[in-house]
Amino acid sequence: MEKIISYLTAKNFTISLSGLQIKVLDAAVLDAGPHWEKEAHFHTYFEFHMIKSGKGTVSIEGSTLPFQEGDFYITGPYVTHQQVSDPEDPLVEYCLQCKIRLSDTPDSTYFLSSEDTEFFINVLSATYPRTFQDNYGAMGLFDSIIKETSLKLPGFSLQIQPLLFLLVISLFRSVITTLDQSHVSNPQSDVRVSRIINFIENNYHLSPTIDDLSKLIFLSPKQINRIMKKHFDCTFHEKLLLYKVLQAKHLLSHSTLSIEAIAAACGFSSHYYMYQVFKRFDLPPPARFRITPSN
């Protein structure tokens, strides 16, 4: 049976790194056990998975990879992944979860390099169906964070802050020195499309904008729409509206909610706007999709 110990939950550590703001959500240790398997899932944040010991496999957007002690892999927001622990050599994983955004007011304490920022953004915007070697001591830094948090000596929070900073730097370094620049800059639109669709399907009711998605996955609005045009021959906004319509049609046919309530549940600003969108896509008025006794 799996055992998870969280060390930094609700600590609200935020660090600045070359124009990036990194909010650490948790640093946890997973002792998976011999028969552990995590079904396909995704998160709304970045996750750095560091293999402390053992081995197993991870499937990232459909690509299955073996991993072993000393490896790590990255899953970004809305990147689907599935993990399995080896029954003979069970997995122990260090996991760093964090939200990463471009910082409007970078912390001047740390050196700000536009070149570093560009490298880091390229790393964060890609999806990596591969593992990396911990070549710069990330796991040792994680060990130090665990020790500081466990002992809780005076000033331990102040001590953890630079350790987190160095931990993130070491992970980035391992990625950047492993990948050549052409690979880092690869648009990977075939892989990224699933992240965009996952985002739409999980946030449509909030009426997200393309800028909201852009900030999460470090792709510009132009890049996102280029991917959408290639795969769906429509823009992000059009795909979002189509998904809202699909959900509205389902509720109209399978619920007793009022049309006003359905419009609100699907993220339309009003039921009048929902009518307009249905008309835009050459659909009958929303009320036509209602199930009636005569059906």
C-alpha atoms as a PDB file:
ATOM      1  CA  MET A   1       0.000   0.000   0.000  1.00  0.00           C
ATOM      2  CA  GLU A   2       1.320   3.422  -0.922  1.00  0.00           C
ATOM      3  CA  LYS A   3       2.620   5.811   1.718  1.00  0.00           C
ATOM      4  CA  ILE A   4       2.833   9.542   1.008  1.00  0.00           C
ATOM      5  CA  ILE A   5       4.489  12.044   3.346  1.00  0.00           C
ATOM      6  CA  SER A   6       4.036  15.742   2.538  1.00  0.00           C
ATOM      7  CA  TYR A   7       6.604  18.197   3.853  1.00  0.00           C
ATOM      8  CA  LEU A   8       5.662  21.613   2.515  1.00  0.00           C
ATOM      9  CA  THR A   9       1.867  21.586   2.201  1.00  0.00           C
ATOM     10  CA  ALA A  10       0.403  25.042   2.857  1.00  0.00           C
ATOM     11  CA  LYS A  11       3.845  26.528   3.551  1.00  0.00           C
ATOM     12  CA  ASN A  12       3.381  28.979   0.642  1.00  0.00           C
ATOM     13  CA  PHE A  13       7.014  29.161  -0.403  1.00  0.00           C
ATOM     14  CA  THR A  14       7.423  31.407  -3.441  1.00  0.00           C
ATOM     15  CA  ILE A  15      10.741  31.872  -5.207  1.00  0.00           C
ATOM     16  CA  SER A  16      11.774  34.017  -8.169  1.00  0.00           C
ATOM     17  CA  LEU A  17      13.960  32.580 -10.878  1.00  0.00           C
ATOM     18  CA  SER A  18      15.021  34.655 -13.876  1.00  0.00           C
ATOM     19  CA  GLY A  19      11.673  36.358 -14.365  1.00  0.00           C
ATOM     20  CA  LEU A  20       9.632  33.346 -13.253  1.00  0.00           C
ATOM     21  CA  GLN A  21       7.543  33.175 -10.103  1.00  0.00           C
ATOM     22  CA  ILE A  22       7.496  29.668  -8.655  1.00  0.00           C
ATOM     23  CA  LYS A  23       4.967  28.897  -5.938  1.00  0.00           C
ATOM     24  CA  VAL A  24       5.824  25.596  -4.246  1.00  0.00           C
ATOM     25  CA  LEU A  25       2.641  23.674  -3.426  1.00  0.00           C
ATOM     26  CA  ASP A  26       4.292  20.640  -1.838  1.00  0.00           C
ATOM     27  CA  ALA A  27       7.407  18.545  -1.568  1.00  0.00           C
ATOM     28  CA  ALA A  28       6.360  14.977  -0.912  1.00  0.00           C
ATOM     29  CA  VAL A  29       7.816  11.489  -0.678  1.00  0.00           C
ATOM     30  CA  LEU A  30       5.901   8.593  -2.223  1.00  0.00           C
ATOM     31  CA  ASP A  31       6.743   5.077  -1.049  1.00  0.00           C
ATOM     32  CA  ALA A  32       4.725   3.258  -3.691  1.00  0.00           C
ATOM     33  CA  GLY A  33       4.955  -0.359  -2.562  1.00  0.00           C
ATOM     34  CA  PRO A  34       5.215  -3.394  -4.861  1.00  0.00           C
ATOM     35  CA  HIS A  35       1.775  -3.353  -6.516  1.00  0.00           C
ATOM     36  CA  TRP A  36       1.176   0.360  -6.898  1.00  0.00           C
ATOM     37  CA  GLU A  37      -0.338   1.806 -10.053  1.00  0.00           C
ATOM     38  CA  LYS A  38      -1.669   5.299 -10.598  1.00  0.00           C
ATOM     39  CA  GLU A  39      -4.322   5.596 -13.278  1.00  0.00           C
ATOM     40  CA  ALA A  40      -4.016   8.148 -16.086  1.00  0.00           C
ATOM     41  CA  HIS A  41      -4.489  11.659 -14.694  1.00  0.00           C
ATOM     42  CA  PHE A  42      -3.221  15.210 -14.932  1.00  0.00           C
ATOM     43  CA  HIS A  43      -2.735  18.198 -12.640  1.00  0.00           C
ATOM     44  CA  THR A  44      -3.143  21.939 -13.037  1.00  0.00           C
ATOM     45  CA  TYR A  45       0.447  22.542 -11.936  1.00  0.00           C
ATOM     46  CA  PHE A  46       3.990  21.413 -12.738  1.00  0.00           C
ATOM     47  CA  GLU A  47       5.283  18.255 -11.114  1.00  0.00           C
ATOM     48  CA  PHE A  48       8.916  17.137 -10.961  1.00  0.00           C
ATOM     49  CA  HIS A  49       9.100  13.386 -10.242  1.00  0.00           C
ATOM     50  CA  MET A  50      12.519  12.310  -8.894  1.00  0.00           C
ATOM     51  CA  ILE A  51      13.195   8.581  -8.513  1.00  0.00           C
ATOM     52  CA  LYS A  52      14.991   8.134  -5.192  1.00  0.00           C
ATOM     53  CA  SER A  53      15.070   4.343  -5.470  1.00  0.00           C
ATOM     54  CA  GLY A  54      13.364   1.461  -7.230  1.00  0.00           C
ATOM     55  CA  LYS A  55      12.040   1.432 -10.745  1.00  0.00           C
ATOM     56  CA  GLY A  56       8.892   1.273 -12.822  1.00  0.00           C
ATOM     57  CA  THR A  57       7.262   2.835 -15.862  1.00  0.00           C
ATOM     58  CA  VAL A  58       5.489   6.069 -16.641  1.00  0.00           C
ATOM     59  CA  SER A  59       3.250   6.791 -19.616  1.00  0.00           C
ATOM     60  CA  ILE A  60       3.304  10.466 -20.647  1.00  0.00           C
ATOM     61  CA  GLU A  61       0.745  11.396 -23.286  1.00  0.00           C
ATOM     62  CA  GLY A  62       0.736   7.794 -24.509  1.00  0.00           C
ATOM     63  CA  SER A  63       4.516   7.228 -24.583  1.00  0.00           C
ATOM     64  CA  THR A  64       5.597   4.579 -22.058  1.00  0.00           C
ATOM     65  CA  LEU A  65       9.019   5.041 -20.464  1.00  0.00           C
ATOM     66  CA  PRO A  66      11.019   2.957 -17.992  1.00  0.00           C
ATOM     67  CA  PHE A  67      12.620   4.775 -15.071  1.00  0.00           C
ATOM     68  CA  GLN A  68      15.074   3.816 -12.356  1.00  0.00           C
ATOM     69  CA  GLU A  69      16.994   5.265  -9.431  1.00  0.00           C
ATOM     70  CA  GLY A  70      18.551   8.628 -10.297  1.00  0.00           C
ATOM     71  CA  ASP A  71      16.056   9.495 -13.050  1.00  0.00           C
ATOM     72  CA  PHE A  72      13.471  12.252 -13.014  1.00  0.00           C
ATOM     73  CA  TYR A  73      10.684  13.347 -15.341  1.00  0.00           C
ATOM     74  CA  ILE A  74       8.444  16.381 -15.678  1.00  0.00           C
ATOM     75  CA  THR A  75       4.688  16.658 -16.095  1.00  0.00           C
ATOM     76  CA  GLY A  76       3.294  20.101 -16.820  1.00  0.00           C
ATOM     77  CA  PRO A  77      -0.266  21.390 -16.330  1.00  0.00           C
ATOM     78  CA  TYR A  78      -2.826  19.201 -18.144  1.00  0.00           C
ATOM     79  CA  VAL A  79      -0.207  16.662 -19.265  1.00  0.00           C
ATOM     80  CA  THR A  80      -1.766  13.203 -18.913  1.00  0.00           C
ATOM     81  CA  HIS A  81       0.437  10.602 -17.239  1.00  0.00           C
ATOM     82  CA  GLN A  82       0.138   7.145 -15.674  1.00  0.00           C
ATOM     83  CA  GLN A  83       2.643   5.474 -13.335  1.00  0.00           C
ATOM     84  CA  VAL A  84       3.363   1.864 -12.364  1.00  0.00           C
ATOM     85  CA  SER A  85       5.803   0.655  -9.690  1.00  0.00           C
ATOM     86  CA  ASP A  86       7.964  -2.392 -10.305  1.00  0.00           C
ATOM     87  CA  PRO A  87       6.722  -5.280  -8.106  1.00  0.00           C
ATOM     88  CA  GLU A  88      10.252  -6.587  -7.495  1.00  0.00           C
ATOM     89  CA  ASP A  89      11.950  -3.213  -6.917  1.00  0.00           C
ATOM     90  CA  PRO A  90       9.237  -0.805  -5.696  1.00  0.00           C
ATOM     91  CA  LEU A  91       9.387   2.886  -6.423  1.00  0.00           C
ATOM     92  CA  VAL A  92      10.291   5.597  -3.907  1.00  0.00           C
ATOM     93  CA  GLU A  93       9.708   9.009  -5.473  1.00  0.00           C
ATOM     94  CA  TYR A  94      10.474  12.556  -4.448  1.00  0.00           C
ATOM     95  CA  CYS A  95       7.859  14.872  -5.879  1.00  0.00           C
ATOM     96  CA  LEU A  96       7.995  18.664  -6.151  1.00  0.00           C
ATOM     97  CA  GLN A  97       4.692  20.302  -7.073  1.00  0.00           C
ATOM     98  CA  CYS A  98       4.626  23.950  -8.068  1.00  0.00           C
ATOM     99  CA  LYS A  99       2.763  26.602  -9.999  1.00  0.00           C
ATOM    100  CA  ILE A 100       5.041  28.554 -12.311  1.00  0.00           C
ATOM    101  CA  ARG A 101       4.198  31.848 -13.976  1.00  0.00           C
ATOM    102  CA  LEU A 102       6.020  34.742 -15.548  1.00  0.00           C
ATOM    103  CA  SER A 103       6.682  37.309 -12.848  1.00  0.00           C
ATOM    104  CA  ASP A 104       5.492  40.890 -13.327  1.00  0.00           C
ATOM    105  CA  THR A 105       7.928  42.074 -10.648  1.00  0.00           C
ATOM    106  CA  PRO A 106      10.931  39.710 -10.531  1.00  0.00           C
ATOM    107  CA  ASP A 107      12.745  39.422  -7.228  1.00  0.00           C
ATOM    108  CA  SER A 108      15.861  41.559  -7.615  1.00  0.00           C
ATOM    109  CA  THR A 109      17.636  39.420  -5.021  1.00  0.00           C
ATOM    110  CA  TYR A 110      18.520  36.959  -7.761  1.00  0.00           C
ATOM    111  CA  PHE A 111      20.319  37.726 -10.995  1.00  0.00           C
ATOM    112  CA  LEU A 112      17.874  38.251 -13.852  1.00  0.00           C
ATOM    113  CA  SER A 113      19.102  36.997 -17.216  1.00  0.00           C
ATOM    114  CA  SER A 114      16.941  37.302 -20.315  1.00  0.00           C
ATOM    115  CA  GLU A 115      18.870  34.381 -21.814  1.00  0.00           C
ATOM    116  CA  ASP A 116      18.117  32.182 -18.801  1.00  0.00           C
ATOM    117  CA  THR A 117      14.459  33.223 -18.884  1.00  0.00           C
ATOM    118  CA  GLU A 118      14.204  32.215 -22.542  1.00  0.00           C
ATOM    119  CA  PHE A 119      15.783  28.819 -21.823  1.00  0.00           C
ATOM    120  CA  PHE A 120      13.482  28.160 -18.868  1.00  0.00           C
ATOM    121  CA  ILE A 121      10.357  29.182 -20.777  1.00  0.00           C
ATOM    122  CA  ASN A 122      11.334  26.851 -23.626  1.00  0.00           C
ATOM    123  CA  VAL A 123      11.720  24.031 -21.119  1.00  0.00           C
ATOM    124  CA  LEU A 124       8.385  24.773 -19.442  1.00  0.00           C
ATOM    125  CA  SER A 125       6.451  25.066 -22.708  1.00  0.00           C
ATOM    126  CA  ALA A 126       7.429  21.589 -23.897  1.00  0.00           C
ATOM    127  CA  THR A 127       6.025  18.182 -23.008  1.00  0.00           C
ATOM    128  CA  TYR A 128       8.659  15.553 -22.336  1.00  0.00           C
ATOM    129  CA  PRO A 129       7.788  11.895 -22.951  1.00  0.00           C
ATOM    130  CA  ARG A 130      11.248  11.023 -21.627  1.00  0.00           C
ATOM    131  CA  THR A 131      13.266  10.819 -18.427  1.00  0.00           C
ATOM    132  CA  PHE A 132      16.365  12.765 -17.390  1.00  0.00           C
ATOM    133  CA  GLN A 133      19.332  11.985 -15.153  1.00  0.00           C
ATOM    134  CA  ASP A 134      19.771  13.995 -11.968  1.00  0.00           C
ATOM    135  CA  ASN A 135      23.214  15.330 -12.852  1.00  0.00           C
ATOM    136  CA  TYR A 136      23.226  18.353 -10.542  1.00  0.00           C
ATOM    137  CA  GLY A 137      22.318  17.011  -7.108  1.00  0.00           C
ATOM    138  CA  ALA A 138      18.561  17.666  -6.971  1.00  0.00           C
ATOM    139  CA  MET A 139      17.876  14.635  -4.782  1.00  0.00           C
ATOM    140  CA  GLY A 140      20.531  15.612  -2.268  1.00  0.00           C
ATOM    141  CA  LEU A 141      18.906  19.038  -2.001  1.00  0.00           C
ATOM    142  CA  PHE A 142      15.538  17.348  -1.515  1.00  0.00           C
ATOM    143  CA  ASP A 143      17.084  15.279   1.296  1.00  0.00           C
ATOM    144  CA  SER A 144      18.213  18.528   2.959  1.00  0.00           C
ATOM    145  CA  ILE A 145      14.691  19.991   2.660  1.00  0.00           C
ATOM    146  CA  ILE A 146      13.232  16.895   4.314  1.00  0.00           C
ATOM    147  CA  LYS A 147      15.792  17.120   7.126  1.00  0.00           C
ATOM    148  CA  GLU A 148      15.138  20.815   7.754  1.00  0.00           C
ATOM    149  CA  THR A 149      11.363  20.323   7.743  1.00  0.00           C
ATOM    150  CA  SER A 150      11.545  17.277  10.016  1.00  0.00           C
ATOM    151  CA  LEU A 151      13.852  18.848  12.611  1.00  0.00           C
ATOM    152  CA  LYS A 152      12.148  22.269  12.555  1.00  0.00           C
ATOM    153  CA  LEU A 153      15.135  23.992  14.079  1.00  0.00           C
ATOM    154  CA  PRO A 154      14.886  27.776  14.547  1.00  0.00           C
ATOM    155  CA  GLY A 155      15.054  29.438  11.140  1.00  0.00           C
ATOM    156  CA  PHE A 156      14.252  26.266   9.196  1.00  0.00           C
ATOM    157  CA  SER A 157      11.854  28.136   6.893  1.00  0.00           C
ATOM    158  CA  LEU A 158      14.594  30.591   5.979  1.00  0.00           C
ATOM    159  CA  GLN A 159      16.950  27.695   5.325  1.00  0.00           C
ATOM    160  CA  ILE A 160      14.470  25.918   3.050  1.00  0.00           C
ATOM    161  CA  GLN A 161      14.001  28.912   0.741  1.00  0.00           C
ATOM    162  CA  PRO A 162      17.492  28.837  -0.857  1.00  0.00           C
ATOM    163  CA  LEU A 163      17.395  25.023  -0.923  1.00  0.00           C
ATOM    164  CA  LEU A 164      14.230  25.168  -3.028  1.00  0.00           C
ATOM    165  CA  PHE A 165      15.833  27.749  -5.293  1.00  0.00           C
ATOM    166  CA  LEU A 166      18.886  25.530  -5.849  1.00  0.00           C
ATOM    167  CA  LEU A 167      16.688  22.452  -6.300  1.00  0.00           C
ATOM    168  CA  VAL A 168      14.730  24.052  -9.142  1.00  0.00           C
ATOM    169  CA  ILE A 169      17.931  25.354 -10.740  1.00  0.00           C
ATOM    170  CA  SER A 170      19.495  21.880 -10.630  1.00  0.00           C
ATOM    171  CA  LEU A 171      16.453  20.307 -12.316  1.00  0.00           C
ATOM    172  CA  PHE A 172      16.446  22.927 -15.074  1.00  0.00           C
ATOM    173  CA  ARG A 173      20.173  22.456 -15.608  1.00  0.00           C
ATOM    174  CA  SER A 174      19.773  18.711 -16.044  1.00  0.00           C
ATOM    175  CA  VAL A 175      17.079  19.243 -18.673  1.00  0.00           C
ATOM    176  CA  ILE A 176      18.842  22.021 -20.553  1.00  0.00           C
ATOM    177  CA  THR A 177      22.201  20.230 -20.708  1.00  0.00           C
ATOM    178  CA  THR A 178      20.531  17.018 -21.889  1.00  0.00           C
ATOM    179  CA  LEU A 179      18.439  18.480 -24.680  1.00  0.00           C
ATOM    180  CA  ASP A 180      19.927  20.312 -27.612  1.00  0.00           C
ATOM    181  CA  GLN A 181      18.426  23.695 -28.344  1.00  0.00           C
ATOM    182  CA  SER A 182      16.537  22.519 -31.413  1.00  0.00           C
ATOM    183  CA  HIS A 183      14.702  19.942 -29.310  1.00  0.00           C
ATOM    184  CA  VAL A 184      13.868  22.429 -26.566  1.00  0.00           C
ATOM    185  CA  SER A 185      12.367  24.798 -29.130  1.00  0.00           C
ATOM    186  CA  ASN A 186      10.404  22.085 -30.939  1.00  0.00           C
ATOM    187  CA  PRO A 187       6.752  23.211 -31.076  1.00  0.00           C
ATOM    188  CA  GLN A 188       5.535  19.637 -30.362  1.00  0.00           C
ATOM    189  CA  SER A 189       2.041  20.617 -31.471  1.00  0.00           C
ATOM    190  CA  ASP A 190       0.927  16.991 -31.793  1.00  0.00           C
ATOM    191  CA  VAL A 191       1.676  16.435 -28.103  1.00  0.00           C
ATOM    192  CA  ARG A 192       0.506  19.806 -26.847  1.00  0.00           C
ATOM    193  CA  VAL A 193      -2.953  19.565 -28.374  1.00  0.00           C
ATOM    194  CA  SER A 194      -4.136  17.172 -25.642  1.00  0.00           C
ATOM    195  CA  ARG A 195      -3.101  19.704 -22.974  1.00  0.00           C
ATOM    196  CA  ILE A 196      -5.222  22.371 -24.661  1.00  0.00           C
ATOM    197  CA  ILE A 197      -8.245  20.074 -24.900  1.00  0.00           C
ATOM    198  CA  ASN A 198      -7.839  18.938 -21.273  1.00  0.00           C
ATOM    199  CA  PHE A 199      -7.783  22.592 -20.257  1.00  0.00           C
ATOM    200  CA  ILE A 200     -10.968  23.394 -22.216  1.00  0.00           C
ATOM    201  CA  GLU A 201     -12.862  20.364 -20.902  1.00  0.00           C
ATOM    202  CA  ASN A 202     -11.993  21.139 -17.293  1.00  0.00           C
ATOM    203  CA  ASN A 203     -12.463  24.913 -17.359  1.00  0.00           C
ATOM    204  CA  TYR A 204     -15.161  25.647 -19.968  1.00  0.00           C
ATOM    205  CA  HIS A 205     -17.681  26.607 -17.260  1.00  0.00           C
ATOM    206  CA  LEU A 206     -15.324  29.377 -16.093  1.00  0.00           C
ATOM    207  CA  SER A 207     -15.127  30.960 -19.564  1.00  0.00           C
ATOM    208  CA  PRO A 208     -11.316  30.940 -19.619  1.00  0.00           C
ATOM    209  CA  THR A 209      -9.453  33.083 -22.125  1.00  0.00           C
ATOM    210  CA  ILE A 210      -6.587  32.095 -24.369  1.00  0.00           C
ATOM    211  CA  ASP A 211      -4.383  34.307 -22.173  1.00  0.00           C
ATOM    212  CA  ASP A 212      -5.293  32.169 -19.140  1.00  0.00           C
ATOM    213  CA  LEU A 213      -4.100  29.070 -20.979  1.00  0.00           C
ATOM    214  CA  SER A 214      -1.033  30.857 -22.335  1.00  0.00           C
ATOM    215  CA  LYS A 215       0.173  31.658 -18.817  1.00  0.00           C
ATOM    216  CA  LEU A 216      -0.267  28.039 -17.709  1.00  0.00           C
ATOM    217  CA  ILE A 217       1.546  26.251 -20.506  1.00  0.00           C
ATOM    218  CA  PHE A 218       4.030  28.948 -21.582  1.00  0.00           C
ATOM    219  CA  LEU A 219       2.818  29.140 -25.170  1.00  0.00           C
ATOM    220  CA  SER A 220       1.826  32.423 -26.785  1.00  0.00           C
ATOM    221  CA  PRO A 221      -1.777  32.899 -27.961  1.00  0.00           C
ATOM    222  CA  LYS A 222      -0.491  32.796 -31.542  1.00  0.00           C
ATOM    223  CA  GLN A 223       1.204  29.443 -30.920  1.00  0.00           C
ATOM    224  CA  ILE A 224      -1.956  28.034 -29.327  1.00  0.00           C
ATOM    225  CA  ASN A 225      -4.170  29.128 -32.214  1.00  0.00           C
ATOM    226  CA  ARG A 226      -1.646  27.765 -34.717  1.00  0.00           C
ATOM    227  CA  ILE A 227      -1.936  24.359 -33.030  1.00  0.00           C
ATOM    228  CA  MET A 228      -5.742  24.580 -32.979  1.00  0.00           C
ATOM    229  CA  LYS A 229      -5.903  25.535 -36.675  1.00  0.00           C
ATOM    230  CA  LYS A 230      -3.663  22.610 -37.584  1.00  0.00           C
ATOM    231  CA  HIS A 231      -5.637  19.984 -35.658  1.00  0.00           C
ATOM    232  CA  PHE A 232      -9.206  21.317 -35.603  1.00  0.00           C
ATOM    233  CA  ASP A 233      -9.323  24.068 -38.242  1.00  0.00           C
ATOM    234  CA  CYS A 234     -10.618  26.504 -35.639  1.00  0.00           C
ATOM    235  CA  THR A 235      -9.314  28.910 -33.020  1.00  0.00           C
ATOM    236  CA  PHE A 236      -9.093  28.267 -29.284  1.00  0.00           C
ATOM    237  CA  HIS A 237     -12.139  30.472 -28.713  1.00  0.00           C
ATOM    238  CA  GLU A 238     -14.195  28.612 -31.332  1.00  0.00           C
ATOM    239  CA  LYS A 239     -13.240  25.240 -29.835  1.00  0.00           C
ATOM    240  CA  LEU A 240     -14.218  26.512 -26.386  1.00  0.00           C
ATOM    241  CA  LEU A 241     -17.607  27.671 -27.672  1.00  0.00           C
ATOM    242  CA  LEU A 242     -18.184  24.336 -29.428  1.00  0.00           C
ATOM    243  CA  TYR A 243     -17.468  22.460 -26.196  1.00  0.00           C
ATOM    244  CA  LYS A 244     -19.821  24.739 -24.259  1.00  0.00           C
ATOM    245  CA  VAL A 245     -22.529  24.031 -26.838  1.00  0.00           C
ATOM    246  CA  LEU A 246     -21.911  20.274 -26.553  1.00  0.00           C
ATOM    247  CA  GLN A 247     -22.335  20.415 -22.770  1.00  0.00           C
ATOM    248  CA  ALA A 248     -25.395  22.639 -23.055  1.00  0.00           C
ATOM    249  CA  LYS A 249     -27.045  20.236 -25.521  1.00  0.00           C
ATOM    250  CA  HIS A 250     -26.413  17.359 -23.115  1.00  0.00           C
ATOM    251  CA  LEU A 251     -27.985  19.216 -20.180  1.00  0.00           C
ATOM    252  CA  LEU A 252     -30.911  20.380 -22.296  1.00  0.00           C
ATOM    253  CA  SER A 253     -31.632  16.788 -23.286  1.00  0.00           C
ATOM    254  CA  HIS A 254     -30.881  15.045 -19.977  1.00  0.00           C
ATOM    255  CA  SER A 255     -31.746  17.445 -17.162  1.00  0.00           C
ATOM    256  CA  THR A 256     -34.629  19.498 -15.842  1.00  0.00           C
ATOM    257  CA  LEU A 257     -32.506  22.582 -15.270  1.00  0.00           C
ATOM    258  CA  SER A 258     -33.883  25.825 -16.643  1.00  0.00           C
ATOM    259  CA  ILE A 259     -32.298  27.221 -19.792  1.00  0.00           C
ATOM    260  CA  GLU A 260     -30.953  30.103 -17.697  1.00  0.00           C
ATOM    261  CA  ALA A 261     -29.324  27.658 -15.259  1.00  0.00           C
ATOM    262  CA  ILE A 262     -27.848  25.608 -18.097  1.00  0.00           C
ATOM    263  CA  ALA A 263     -26.384  28.716 -19.708  1.00  0.00           C
ATOM    264  CA  ALA A 264     -24.720  29.647 -16.410  1.00  0.00           C
ATOM    265  CA  ALA A 265     -23.464  26.082 -15.815  1.00  0.00           C
ATOM    266  CA  CYS A 266     -21.830  26.020 -19.250  1.00  0.00           C
ATOM    267  CA  GLY A 267     -20.100  29.362 -18.847  1.00  0.00           C
ATOM    268  CA  PHE A 268     -22.320  31.490 -21.078  1.00  0.00           C
ATOM    269  CA  SER A 269     -22.724  35.053 -19.830  1.00  0.00           C
ATOM    270  CA  SER A 270     -26.505  34.771 -20.286  1.00  0.00           C
ATOM    271  CA  HIS A 271     -29.088  32.509 -21.877  1.00  0.00           C
ATOM    272  CA  TYR A 272     -29.482  35.146 -24.594  1.00  0.00           C
ATOM    273  CA  TYR A 273     -25.826  34.736 -25.496  1.00  0.00           C
ATOM    274  CA  MET A 274     -26.245  30.948 -25.521  1.00  0.00           C
ATOM    275  CA  TYR A 275     -29.035  31.378 -28.092  1.00  0.00           C
ATOM    276  CA  GLN A 276     -26.713  33.542 -30.212  1.00  0.00           C
ATOM    277  CA  VAL A 277     -23.935  30.953 -30.076  1.00  0.00           C
ATOM    278  CA  PHE A 278     -26.319  28.153 -31.083  1.00  0.00           C
ATOM    279  CA  LYS A 279     -27.417  30.298 -34.034  1.00  0.00           C
ATOM    280  CA  ARG A 280     -23.800  31.034 -34.952  1.00  0.00           C
ATOM    281  CA  PHE A 281     -23.156  27.304 -35.364  1.00  0.00           C
ATOM    282  CA  ASP A 282     -26.365  26.829 -37.391  1.00  0.00           C
ATOM    283  CA  LEU A 283     -28.066  24.923 -34.589  1.00  0.00           C
ATOM    284  CA  PRO A 284     -31.743  25.021 -33.620  1.00  0.00           C
ATOM    285  CA  PRO A 285     -32.627  27.155 -30.564  1.00  0.00           C
ATOM    286  CA  PRO A 286     -31.592  25.574 -27.236  1.00  0.00           C
ATOM    287  CA  ALA A 287     -35.176  24.768 -26.239  1.00  0.00           C
ATOM    288  CA  ARG A 288     -35.408  22.410 -29.234  1.00  0.00           C
ATOM    289  CA  PHE A 289     -33.051  19.989 -27.504  1.00  0.00           C
ATOM    290  CA  ARG A 290     -35.391  19.539 -24.544  1.00  0.00           C
ATOM    291  CA  ILE A 291     -36.754  16.025 -24.009  1.00  0.00           C
ATOM    292  CA  THR A 292     -40.553  16.233 -23.925  1.00  0.00           C
ATOM    293  CA  PRO A 293     -43.132  13.542 -22.993  1.00  0.00           C
ATOM    294  CA  SER A 294     -43.945  13.133 -26.669  1.00  0.00           C
ATOM    295  CA  ASN A 295     -40.365  11.958 -27.301  1.00  0.00           C
END
